[in-house]
Amino acid sequence: MIKRTSSEHINSILKQNTNWNILDIGCGYTAHSNATIICDVQNLADYYPDKKFIQLTEKKLPFKDNQFDFVISSHVIEHVEDVSFLISELERISKKGYIELPTKLEDNLVFENKTNHLWHVDFDDVNNKLIITKKTQILEPILTVSSIQKLHKDFRKSLVLELMWQDKIDYQIQTDDKKQINKISIFQLFRKYISKRIRMLFS
Protein backbone atom coordinates (compact mmCIF):
# COMPACT_ATOMS: atom_id res chain seq x y z
CA MET A 1 0.00 0.00 0.00
CA ILE A 2 1.26 3.45 -0.91
CA LYS A 3 -0.50 6.77 -0.39
CA ARG A 4 0.11 10.48 -0.30
CA THR A 5 1.44 12.05 2.88
CA SER A 6 3.51 15.08 3.86
CA SER A 7 7.07 15.46 5.09
CA GLU A 8 5.67 17.14 8.24
CA HIS A 9 3.55 14.06 9.01
CA ILE A 10 6.52 11.73 8.44
CA ASN A 11 8.76 13.82 10.69
CA SER A 12 6.12 13.67 13.41
CA ILE A 13 5.96 9.85 13.17
CA LEU A 14 9.74 9.49 13.32
CA LYS A 15 10.06 11.81 16.31
CA GLN A 16 7.50 9.69 18.17
CA ASN A 17 9.42 6.48 17.45
CA THR A 18 12.95 7.22 18.58
CA ASN A 19 13.69 3.50 19.03
CA TRP A 20 13.21 2.77 15.30
CA ASN A 21 16.11 1.71 13.11
CA ILE A 22 15.84 4.21 10.24
CA LEU A 23 17.74 4.23 6.94
CA ASP A 24 18.15 7.25 4.68
CA ILE A 25 19.18 5.91 1.28
CA GLY A 26 20.73 8.29 -1.24
CA CYS A 27 21.04 10.88 1.51
CA GLY A 28 23.32 13.27 -0.38
CA TYR A 29 24.13 16.34 1.71
CA THR A 30 20.70 16.50 3.35
CA ALA A 31 20.45 13.32 5.43
CA HIS A 32 17.38 13.06 7.64
CA SER A 33 18.17 14.00 11.24
CA ASN A 34 16.32 10.95 12.60
CA ALA A 35 18.15 8.40 10.42
CA THR A 36 20.29 5.91 12.35
CA ILE A 37 22.10 4.77 9.19
CA ILE A 38 22.66 6.83 6.04
CA CYS A 39 24.07 5.77 2.69
CA ASP A 40 24.93 7.15 -0.72
CA VAL A 41 26.96 6.26 -3.81
CA GLN A 42 29.28 9.14 -2.93
CA ASN A 43 31.68 8.76 -0.03
CA LEU A 44 30.26 11.28 2.43
CA ALA A 45 31.68 9.76 5.60
CA ASP A 46 33.71 12.90 6.39
CA TYR A 47 30.66 15.08 5.84
CA TYR A 48 28.71 13.09 8.47
CA PRO A 49 31.22 12.38 11.28
CA ASP A 50 28.39 11.82 13.80
CA LYS A 51 26.35 9.43 11.63
CA LYS A 52 26.85 5.81 10.65
CA PHE A 53 27.56 6.18 6.94
CA ILE A 54 27.74 3.33 4.40
CA GLN A 55 28.88 3.92 0.83
CA LEU A 56 26.88 2.03 -1.80
CA THR A 57 29.15 0.22 -4.23
CA GLU A 58 26.84 -2.49 -5.59
CA LYS A 59 23.35 -2.69 -7.04
CA LYS A 60 22.08 -4.89 -4.20
CA LEU A 61 21.74 -2.92 -0.98
CA PRO A 62 24.17 -4.09 1.74
CA PHE A 63 21.45 -4.73 4.33
CA LYS A 64 19.59 -7.73 5.72
CA ASP A 65 15.94 -8.54 5.07
CA ASN A 66 13.68 -6.40 7.27
CA GLN A 67 16.70 -4.77 8.89
CA PHE A 68 14.96 -1.40 9.20
CA ASP A 69 11.76 -0.16 10.78
CA PHE A 70 11.58 2.67 8.27
CA VAL A 71 13.45 3.65 5.11
CA ILE A 72 13.63 7.13 3.57
CA SER A 73 14.19 7.46 -0.18
CA SER A 74 14.17 11.15 -1.08
CA HIS A 75 14.83 12.11 -4.72
CA VAL A 76 16.48 8.78 -5.54
CA ILE A 77 14.12 6.71 -7.73
CA GLU A 78 14.25 9.14 -10.66
CA HIS A 79 18.05 8.64 -10.90
CA VAL A 80 18.17 4.81 -10.89
CA GLU A 81 18.31 2.86 -14.15
CA ASP A 82 16.83 -0.38 -12.77
CA VAL A 83 13.96 1.19 -10.89
CA SER A 84 12.12 -2.13 -10.40
CA PHE A 85 15.12 -3.63 -8.62
CA LEU A 86 15.47 -0.61 -6.32
CA ILE A 87 11.79 -0.79 -5.34
CA SER A 88 12.11 -4.51 -4.61
CA GLU A 89 15.17 -3.78 -2.45
CA LEU A 90 13.30 -1.14 -0.45
CA GLU A 91 10.53 -3.67 0.19
CA ARG A 92 13.10 -6.29 1.17
CA ILE A 93 14.93 -4.27 3.82
CA SER A 94 11.90 -2.64 5.44
CA LYS A 95 8.14 -2.92 5.80
CA LYS A 96 7.44 0.79 5.49
CA GLY A 97 8.99 4.02 4.39
CA TYR A 98 8.81 7.46 2.79
CA ILE A 99 9.40 8.29 -0.87
CA GLU A 100 9.86 11.83 -2.12
CA LEU A 101 10.05 12.67 -5.83
CA PRO A 102 9.86 15.71 -8.09
CA THR A 103 6.65 16.13 -10.06
CA LYS A 104 6.86 16.31 -13.85
CA LEU A 105 6.53 20.08 -13.55
CA GLU A 106 9.54 20.50 -11.25
CA ASP A 107 11.54 18.00 -13.27
CA ASN A 108 11.00 20.06 -16.42
CA LEU A 109 11.79 23.40 -14.80
CA VAL A 110 15.19 22.57 -13.27
CA PHE A 111 18.44 22.72 -15.28
CA GLU A 112 20.22 20.00 -13.27
CA ASN A 113 17.38 17.52 -13.79
CA LYS A 114 17.60 17.63 -17.57
CA THR A 115 20.43 15.09 -17.75
CA ASN A 116 20.51 13.61 -14.24
CA HIS A 117 16.98 12.18 -14.13
CA LEU A 118 15.90 9.09 -16.06
CA TRP A 119 12.24 8.79 -15.03
CA HIS A 120 9.10 10.83 -14.56
CA VAL A 121 6.86 9.65 -11.74
CA ASP A 122 3.16 10.42 -11.27
CA PHE A 123 0.84 9.10 -8.58
CA ASP A 124 -2.43 7.34 -9.41
CA ASP A 125 -4.75 8.44 -6.60
CA VAL A 126 -7.54 6.06 -7.66
CA ASN A 127 -5.43 2.89 -7.56
CA ASN A 128 -2.78 4.18 -5.13
CA LYS A 129 0.29 3.38 -7.20
CA LEU A 130 3.28 5.01 -8.82
CA ILE A 131 3.11 5.53 -12.58
CA ILE A 132 6.67 5.53 -13.90
CA THR A 133 7.58 6.64 -17.42
CA LYS A 134 10.81 7.45 -19.23
CA LYS A 135 11.61 11.11 -18.76
CA THR A 136 10.62 13.46 -21.58
CA GLN A 137 11.73 17.08 -21.59
CA ILE A 138 8.65 19.12 -22.46
CA LEU A 139 9.84 22.50 -21.18
CA GLU A 140 13.26 24.01 -21.56
CA PRO A 141 14.49 24.40 -17.97
CA ILE A 142 14.72 27.91 -16.54
CA LEU A 143 15.52 27.35 -12.83
CA THR A 144 18.36 25.99 -10.72
CA VAL A 145 17.93 23.57 -7.80
CA SER A 146 18.47 26.41 -5.32
CA SER A 147 15.89 28.64 -7.00
CA ILE A 148 13.21 25.92 -7.18
CA GLN A 149 13.70 25.34 -3.44
CA LYS A 150 12.52 28.91 -2.82
CA LEU A 151 9.22 28.05 -4.52
CA HIS A 152 8.60 25.02 -2.30
CA LYS A 153 7.17 27.14 0.52
CA ASP A 154 4.12 28.16 -1.53
CA PHE A 155 4.01 25.56 -4.32
CA ARG A 156 5.40 22.38 -2.77
CA LYS A 157 2.37 20.20 -3.58
CA SER A 158 2.71 21.15 -7.26
CA LEU A 159 6.44 20.46 -7.31
CA VAL A 160 7.00 17.47 -5.01
CA LEU A 161 5.37 14.06 -4.54
CA GLU A 162 5.37 12.96 -0.88
CA LEU A 163 4.40 9.33 -0.36
CA MET A 164 4.31 6.81 2.48
CA TRP A 165 4.27 3.07 1.84
CA GLN A 166 3.70 -0.01 3.97
CA ASP A 167 4.30 -3.68 3.08
CA LYS A 168 4.30 -3.04 -0.69
CA ILE A 169 5.12 -0.25 -3.15
CA ASP A 170 2.54 -0.57 -5.92
CA TYR A 171 3.82 0.78 -9.23
CA GLN A 172 3.53 0.46 -12.99
CA ILE A 173 6.17 1.25 -15.59
CA GLN A 174 4.53 2.59 -18.72
CA THR A 175 6.21 2.62 -22.11
CA ASP A 176 4.76 4.48 -25.07
CA ASP A 177 7.45 4.99 -27.68
CA LYS A 178 4.91 6.35 -30.20
CA LYS A 179 3.65 9.07 -27.90
CA GLN A 180 3.77 12.53 -29.49
CA ILE A 181 5.76 14.98 -27.40
CA ASN A 182 4.57 18.57 -27.66
CA LYS A 183 7.49 20.64 -26.44
CA ILE A 184 6.69 24.01 -24.93
CA SER A 185 9.05 26.94 -25.25
CA ILE A 186 9.12 29.11 -22.13
CA PHE A 187 10.56 31.93 -24.21
CA GLN A 188 7.67 31.79 -26.68
CA LEU A 189 5.22 31.93 -23.78
CA PHE A 190 7.12 34.88 -22.34
CA ARG A 191 7.03 36.71 -25.69
CA LYS A 192 3.28 36.19 -25.92
CA TYR A 193 2.89 37.52 -22.40
CA ILE A 194 4.95 40.65 -23.19
CA SER A 195 3.03 41.16 -26.43
CA LYS A 196 -0.27 40.98 -24.56
CA ARG A 197 0.96 43.43 -21.91
CA ILE A 198 1.99 45.89 -24.61
CA ARG A 199 -1.41 45.62 -26.32
CA MET A 200 -3.12 46.25 -22.97
CA LEU A 201 -1.04 49.37 -22.41
CA PHE A 202 -2.10 50.89 -25.70
CA SER A 203 -5.70 49.71 -25.76
C-alpha atoms as a PDB file:
ATOM      1  CA  MET A   1       0.000   0.000   0.000  1.00  0.00           C
ATOM      2  CA  ILE A   2       1.256   3.445  -0.906  1.00  0.00           C
ATOM      3  CA  LYS A   3      -0.504   6.769  -0.388  1.00  0.00           C
ATOM      4  CA  ARG A   4       0.106  10.478  -0.295  1.00  0.00           C
ATOM      5  CA  THR A   5       1.438  12.052   2.875  1.00  0.00           C
ATOM      6  CA  SER A   6       3.512  15.075   3.860  1.00  0.00           C
ATOM      7  CA  SER A   7       7.069  15.457   5.094  1.00  0.00           C
ATOM      8  CA  GLU A   8       5.675  17.137   8.241  1.00  0.00           C
ATOM      9  CA  HIS A   9       3.554  14.061   9.006  1.00  0.00           C
ATOM     10  CA  ILE A  10       6.524  11.732   8.444  1.00  0.00           C
ATOM     11  CA  ASN A  11       8.762  13.818  10.694  1.00  0.00           C
ATOM     12  CA  SER A  12       6.117  13.667  13.413  1.00  0.00           C
ATOM     13  CA  ILE A  13       5.957   9.852  13.169  1.00  0.00           C
ATOM     14  CA  LEU A  14       9.739   9.486  13.321  1.00  0.00           C
ATOM     15  CA  LYS A  15      10.061  11.811  16.315  1.00  0.00           C
ATOM     16  CA  GLN A  16       7.499   9.693  18.169  1.00  0.00           C
ATOM     17  CA  ASN A  17       9.416   6.478  17.446  1.00  0.00           C
ATOM     18  CA  THR A  18      12.954   7.219  18.580  1.00  0.00           C
ATOM     19  CA  ASN A  19      13.688   3.497  19.030  1.00  0.00           C
ATOM     20  CA  TRP A  20      13.214   2.773  15.298  1.00  0.00           C
ATOM     21  CA  ASN A  21      16.109   1.706  13.108  1.00  0.00           C
ATOM     22  CA  ILE A  22      15.838   4.208  10.243  1.00  0.00           C
ATOM     23  CA  LEU A  23      17.741   4.228   6.941  1.00  0.00           C
ATOM     24  CA  ASP A  24      18.152   7.254   4.683  1.00  0.00           C
ATOM     25  CA  ILE A  25      19.178   5.907   1.282  1.00  0.00           C
ATOM     26  CA  GLY A  26      20.732   8.295  -1.236  1.00  0.00           C
ATOM     27  CA  CYS A  27      21.042  10.881   1.515  1.00  0.00           C
ATOM     28  CA  GLY A  28      23.325  13.272  -0.379  1.00  0.00           C
ATOM     29  CA  TYR A  29      24.132  16.344   1.714  1.00  0.00           C
ATOM     30  CA  THR A  30      20.696  16.503   3.354  1.00  0.00           C
ATOM     31  CA  ALA A  31      20.448  13.325   5.433  1.00  0.00           C
ATOM     32  CA  HIS A  32      17.381  13.061   7.643  1.00  0.00           C
ATOM     33  CA  SER A  33      18.169  14.003  11.243  1.00  0.00           C
ATOM     34  CA  ASN A  34      16.323  10.945  12.595  1.00  0.00           C
ATOM     35  CA  ALA A  35      18.152   8.405  10.423  1.00  0.00           C
ATOM     36  CA  THR A  36      20.286   5.911  12.345  1.00  0.00           C
ATOM     37  CA  ILE A  37      22.103   4.765   9.188  1.00  0.00           C
ATOM     38  CA  ILE A  38      22.658   6.826   6.044  1.00  0.00           C
ATOM     39  CA  CYS A  39      24.068   5.769   2.693  1.00  0.00           C
ATOM     40  CA  ASP A  40      24.931   7.155  -0.720  1.00  0.00           C
ATOM     41  CA  VAL A  41      26.959   6.255  -3.812  1.00  0.00           C
ATOM     42  CA  GLN A  42      29.278   9.139  -2.928  1.00  0.00           C
ATOM     43  CA  ASN A  43      31.678   8.758  -0.030  1.00  0.00           C
ATOM     44  CA  LEU A  44      30.255  11.278   2.433  1.00  0.00           C
ATOM     45  CA  ALA A  45      31.682   9.755   5.599  1.00  0.00           C
ATOM     46  CA  ASP A  46      33.714  12.895   6.393  1.00  0.00           C
ATOM     47  CA  TYR A  47      30.657  15.076   5.842  1.00  0.00           C
ATOM     48  CA  TYR A  48      28.708  13.090   8.469  1.00  0.00           C
ATOM     49  CA  PRO A  49      31.220  12.377  11.276  1.00  0.00           C
ATOM     50  CA  ASP A  50      28.394  11.822  13.802  1.00  0.00           C
ATOM     51  CA  LYS A  51      26.355   9.425  11.631  1.00  0.00           C
ATOM     52  CA  LYS A  52      26.853   5.808  10.652  1.00  0.00           C
ATOM     53  CA  PHE A  53      27.560   6.177   6.943  1.00  0.00           C
ATOM     54  CA  ILE A  54      27.744   3.329   4.401  1.00  0.00           C
ATOM     55  CA  GLN A  55      28.878   3.917   0.830  1.00  0.00           C
ATOM     56  CA  LEU A  56      26.879   2.032  -1.798  1.00  0.00           C
ATOM     57  CA  THR A  57      29.148   0.217  -4.227  1.00  0.00           C
ATOM     58  CA  GLU A  58      26.841  -2.492  -5.590  1.00  0.00           C
ATOM     59  CA  LYS A  59      23.347  -2.694  -7.035  1.00  0.00           C
ATOM     60  CA  LYS A  60      22.078  -4.891  -4.199  1.00  0.00           C
ATOM     61  CA  LEU A  61      21.742  -2.918  -0.978  1.00  0.00           C
ATOM     62  CA  PRO A  62      24.173  -4.095   1.740  1.00  0.00           C
ATOM     63  CA  PHE A  63      21.448  -4.726   4.327  1.00  0.00           C
ATOM     64  CA  LYS A  64      19.591  -7.729   5.719  1.00  0.00           C
ATOM     65  CA  ASP A  65      15.943  -8.537   5.070  1.00  0.00           C
ATOM     66  CA  ASN A  66      13.677  -6.400   7.272  1.00  0.00           C
ATOM     67  CA  GLN A  67      16.705  -4.770   8.886  1.00  0.00           C
ATOM     68  CA  PHE A  68      14.956  -1.398   9.205  1.00  0.00           C
ATOM     69  CA  ASP A  69      11.761  -0.159  10.785  1.00  0.00           C
ATOM     70  CA  PHE A  70      11.579   2.673   8.274  1.00  0.00           C
ATOM     71  CA  VAL A  71      13.453   3.649   5.112  1.00  0.00           C
ATOM     72  CA  ILE A  72      13.634   7.128   3.566  1.00  0.00           C
ATOM     73  CA  SER A  73      14.186   7.460  -0.178  1.00  0.00           C
ATOM     74  CA  SER A  74      14.175  11.145  -1.079  1.00  0.00           C
ATOM     75  CA  HIS A  75      14.834  12.110  -4.719  1.00  0.00           C
ATOM     76  CA  VAL A  76      16.478   8.781  -5.537  1.00  0.00           C
ATOM     77  CA  ILE A  77      14.123   6.715  -7.727  1.00  0.00           C
ATOM     78  CA  GLU A  78      14.251   9.142 -10.659  1.00  0.00           C
ATOM     79  CA  HIS A  79      18.048   8.636 -10.904  1.00  0.00           C
ATOM     80  CA  VAL A  80      18.166   4.812 -10.893  1.00  0.00           C
ATOM     81  CA  GLU A  81      18.314   2.861 -14.154  1.00  0.00           C
ATOM     82  CA  ASP A  82      16.826  -0.378 -12.774  1.00  0.00           C
ATOM     83  CA  VAL A  83      13.959   1.192 -10.894  1.00  0.00           C
ATOM     84  CA  SER A  84      12.123  -2.128 -10.403  1.00  0.00           C
ATOM     85  CA  PHE A  85      15.119  -3.627  -8.616  1.00  0.00           C
ATOM     86  CA  LEU A  86      15.470  -0.609  -6.320  1.00  0.00           C
ATOM     87  CA  ILE A  87      11.788  -0.793  -5.343  1.00  0.00           C
ATOM     88  CA  SER A  88      12.110  -4.515  -4.609  1.00  0.00           C
ATOM     89  CA  GLU A  89      15.172  -3.778  -2.450  1.00  0.00           C
ATOM     90  CA  LEU A  90      13.301  -1.141  -0.450  1.00  0.00           C
ATOM     91  CA  GLU A  91      10.529  -3.673   0.192  1.00  0.00           C
ATOM     92  CA  ARG A  92      13.102  -6.292   1.168  1.00  0.00           C
ATOM     93  CA  ILE A  93      14.933  -4.270   3.815  1.00  0.00           C
ATOM     94  CA  SER A  94      11.902  -2.641   5.442  1.00  0.00           C
ATOM     95  CA  LYS A  95       8.144  -2.921   5.799  1.00  0.00           C
ATOM     96  CA  LYS A  96       7.441   0.792   5.494  1.00  0.00           C
ATOM     97  CA  GLY A  97       8.987   4.025   4.392  1.00  0.00           C
ATOM     98  CA  TYR A  98       8.807   7.455   2.795  1.00  0.00           C
ATOM     99  CA  ILE A  99       9.396   8.287  -0.872  1.00  0.00           C
ATOM    100  CA  GLU A 100       9.864  11.834  -2.125  1.00  0.00           C
ATOM    101  CA  LEU A 101      10.052  12.670  -5.827  1.00  0.00           C
ATOM    102  CA  PRO A 102       9.861  15.710  -8.091  1.00  0.00           C
ATOM    103  CA  THR A 103       6.654  16.127 -10.062  1.00  0.00           C
ATOM    104  CA  LYS A 104       6.862  16.315 -13.852  1.00  0.00           C
ATOM    105  CA  LEU A 105       6.535  20.084 -13.552  1.00  0.00           C
ATOM    106  CA  GLU A 106       9.537  20.500 -11.249  1.00  0.00           C
ATOM    107  CA  ASP A 107      11.540  18.001 -13.268  1.00  0.00           C
ATOM    108  CA  ASN A 108      11.000  20.058 -16.420  1.00  0.00           C
ATOM    109  CA  LEU A 109      11.792  23.397 -14.800  1.00  0.00           C
ATOM    110  CA  VAL A 110      15.189  22.572 -13.268  1.00  0.00           C
ATOM    111  CA  PHE A 111      18.437  22.718 -15.275  1.00  0.00           C
ATOM    112  CA  GLU A 112      20.217  20.000 -13.274  1.00  0.00           C
ATOM    113  CA  ASN A 113      17.378  17.521 -13.786  1.00  0.00           C
ATOM    114  CA  LYS A 114      17.595  17.631 -17.572  1.00  0.00           C
ATOM    115  CA  THR A 115      20.430  15.091 -17.752  1.00  0.00           C
ATOM    116  CA  ASN A 116      20.505  13.605 -14.243  1.00  0.00           C
ATOM    117  CA  HIS A 117      16.981  12.182 -14.133  1.00  0.00           C
ATOM    118  CA  LEU A 118      15.898   9.093 -16.063  1.00  0.00           C
ATOM    119  CA  TRP A 119      12.242   8.794 -15.025  1.00  0.00           C
ATOM    120  CA  HIS A 120       9.098  10.835 -14.563  1.00  0.00           C
ATOM    121  CA  VAL A 121       6.859   9.652 -11.739  1.00  0.00           C
ATOM    122  CA  ASP A 122       3.157  10.419 -11.272  1.00  0.00           C
ATOM    123  CA  PHE A 123       0.836   9.098  -8.584  1.00  0.00           C
ATOM    124  CA  ASP A 124      -2.429   7.342  -9.414  1.00  0.00           C
ATOM    125  CA  ASP A 125      -4.754   8.443  -6.600  1.00  0.00           C
ATOM    126  CA  VAL A 126      -7.540   6.060  -7.656  1.00  0.00           C
ATOM    127  CA  ASN A 127      -5.432   2.889  -7.557  1.00  0.00           C
ATOM    128  CA  ASN A 128      -2.777   4.179  -5.131  1.00  0.00           C
ATOM    129  CA  LYS A 129       0.290   3.380  -7.196  1.00  0.00           C
ATOM    130  CA  LEU A 130       3.284   5.011  -8.822  1.00  0.00           C
ATOM    131  CA  ILE A 131       3.113   5.532 -12.579  1.00  0.00           C
ATOM    132  CA  ILE A 132       6.671   5.528 -13.896  1.00  0.00           C
ATOM    133  CA  THR A 133       7.580   6.645 -17.416  1.00  0.00           C
ATOM    134  CA  LYS A 134      10.808   7.450 -19.234  1.00  0.00           C
ATOM    135  CA  LYS A 135      11.613  11.115 -18.755  1.00  0.00           C
ATOM    136  CA  THR A 136      10.619  13.457 -21.576  1.00  0.00           C
ATOM    137  CA  GLN A 137      11.732  17.084 -21.591  1.00  0.00           C
ATOM    138  CA  ILE A 138       8.649  19.125 -22.462  1.00  0.00           C
ATOM    139  CA  LEU A 139       9.836  22.497 -21.177  1.00  0.00           C
ATOM    140  CA  GLU A 140      13.261  24.013 -21.563  1.00  0.00           C
ATOM    141  CA  PRO A 141      14.487  24.401 -17.968  1.00  0.00           C
ATOM    142  CA  ILE A 142      14.717  27.909 -16.537  1.00  0.00           C
ATOM    143  CA  LEU A 143      15.517  27.348 -12.832  1.00  0.00           C
ATOM    144  CA  THR A 144      18.363  25.991 -10.719  1.00  0.00           C
ATOM    145  CA  VAL A 145      17.934  23.574  -7.805  1.00  0.00           C
ATOM    146  CA  SER A 146      18.472  26.409  -5.317  1.00  0.00           C
ATOM    147  CA  SER A 147      15.886  28.642  -6.998  1.00  0.00           C
ATOM    148  CA  ILE A 148      13.211  25.919  -7.176  1.00  0.00           C
ATOM    149  CA  GLN A 149      13.703  25.344  -3.439  1.00  0.00           C
ATOM    150  CA  LYS A 150      12.524  28.907  -2.823  1.00  0.00           C
ATOM    151  CA  LEU A 151       9.222  28.051  -4.522  1.00  0.00           C
ATOM    152  CA  HIS A 152       8.595  25.022  -2.304  1.00  0.00           C
ATOM    153  CA  LYS A 153       7.174  27.137   0.524  1.00  0.00           C
ATOM    154  CA  ASP A 154       4.125  28.163  -1.526  1.00  0.00           C
ATOM    155  CA  PHE A 155       4.009  25.562  -4.323  1.00  0.00           C
ATOM    156  CA  ARG A 156       5.401  22.376  -2.774  1.00  0.00           C
ATOM    157  CA  LYS A 157       2.369  20.203  -3.582  1.00  0.00           C
ATOM    158  CA  SER A 158       2.707  21.148  -7.257  1.00  0.00           C
ATOM    159  CA  LEU A 159       6.442  20.460  -7.310  1.00  0.00           C
ATOM    160  CA  VAL A 160       7.003  17.469  -5.008  1.00  0.00           C
ATOM    161  CA  LEU A 161       5.371  14.065  -4.541  1.00  0.00           C
ATOM    162  CA  GLU A 162       5.374  12.962  -0.879  1.00  0.00           C
ATOM    163  CA  LEU A 163       4.400   9.328  -0.364  1.00  0.00           C
ATOM    164  CA  MET A 164       4.307   6.809   2.483  1.00  0.00           C
ATOM    165  CA  TRP A 165       4.267   3.072   1.840  1.00  0.00           C
ATOM    166  CA  GLN A 166       3.698  -0.005   3.974  1.00  0.00           C
ATOM    167  CA  ASP A 167       4.300  -3.678   3.080  1.00  0.00           C
ATOM    168  CA  LYS A 168       4.302  -3.041  -0.689  1.00  0.00           C
ATOM    169  CA  ILE A 169       5.118  -0.253  -3.147  1.00  0.00           C
ATOM    170  CA  ASP A 170       2.542  -0.571  -5.921  1.00  0.00           C
ATOM    171  CA  TYR A 171       3.818   0.777  -9.228  1.00  0.00           C
ATOM    172  CA  GLN A 172       3.533   0.462 -12.986  1.00  0.00           C
ATOM    173  CA  ILE A 173       6.175   1.247 -15.591  1.00  0.00           C
ATOM    174  CA  GLN A 174       4.533   2.592 -18.716  1.00  0.00           C
ATOM    175  CA  THR A 175       6.213   2.625 -22.110  1.00  0.00           C
ATOM    176  CA  ASP A 176       4.760   4.484 -25.069  1.00  0.00           C
ATOM    177  CA  ASP A 177       7.450   4.987 -27.683  1.00  0.00           C
ATOM    178  CA  LYS A 178       4.911   6.349 -30.197  1.00  0.00           C
ATOM    179  CA  LYS A 179       3.646   9.074 -27.898  1.00  0.00           C
ATOM    180  CA  GLN A 180       3.770  12.529 -29.494  1.00  0.00           C
ATOM    181  CA  ILE A 181       5.765  14.985 -27.397  1.00  0.00           C
ATOM    182  CA  ASN A 182       4.568  18.573 -27.658  1.00  0.00           C
ATOM    183  CA  LYS A 183       7.490  20.641 -26.442  1.00  0.00           C
ATOM    184  CA  ILE A 184       6.688  24.008 -24.934  1.00  0.00           C
ATOM    185  CA  SER A 185       9.054  26.943 -25.248  1.00  0.00           C
ATOM    186  CA  ILE A 186       9.124  29.106 -22.125  1.00  0.00           C
ATOM    187  CA  PHE A 187      10.559  31.934 -24.207  1.00  0.00           C
ATOM    188  CA  GLN A 188       7.674  31.793 -26.683  1.00  0.00           C
ATOM    189  CA  LEU A 189       5.215  31.926 -23.785  1.00  0.00           C
ATOM    190  CA  PHE A 190       7.116  34.881 -22.343  1.00  0.00           C
ATOM    191  CA  ARG A 191       7.031  36.712 -25.686  1.00  0.00           C
ATOM    192  CA  LYS A 192       3.276  36.186 -25.924  1.00  0.00           C
ATOM    193  CA  TYR A 193       2.889  37.524 -22.399  1.00  0.00           C
ATOM    194  CA  ILE A 194       4.954  40.648 -23.192  1.00  0.00           C
ATOM    195  CA  SER A 195       3.032  41.161 -26.427  1.00  0.00           C
ATOM    196  CA  LYS A 196      -0.270  40.978 -24.562  1.00  0.00           C
ATOM    197  CA  ARG A 197       0.956  43.427 -21.913  1.00  0.00           C
ATOM    198  CA  ILE A 198       1.991  45.893 -24.610  1.00  0.00           C
ATOM    199  CA  ARG A 199      -1.408  45.623 -26.318  1.00  0.00           C
ATOM    200  CA  MET A 200      -3.116  46.251 -22.974  1.00  0.00           C
ATOM    201  CA  LEU A 201      -1.036  49.367 -22.409  1.00  0.00           C
ATOM    202  CA  PHE A 202      -2.100  50.889 -25.697  1.00  0.00           C
ATOM    203  CA  SER A 203      -5.702  49.708 -25.765  1.00  0.00           C
END
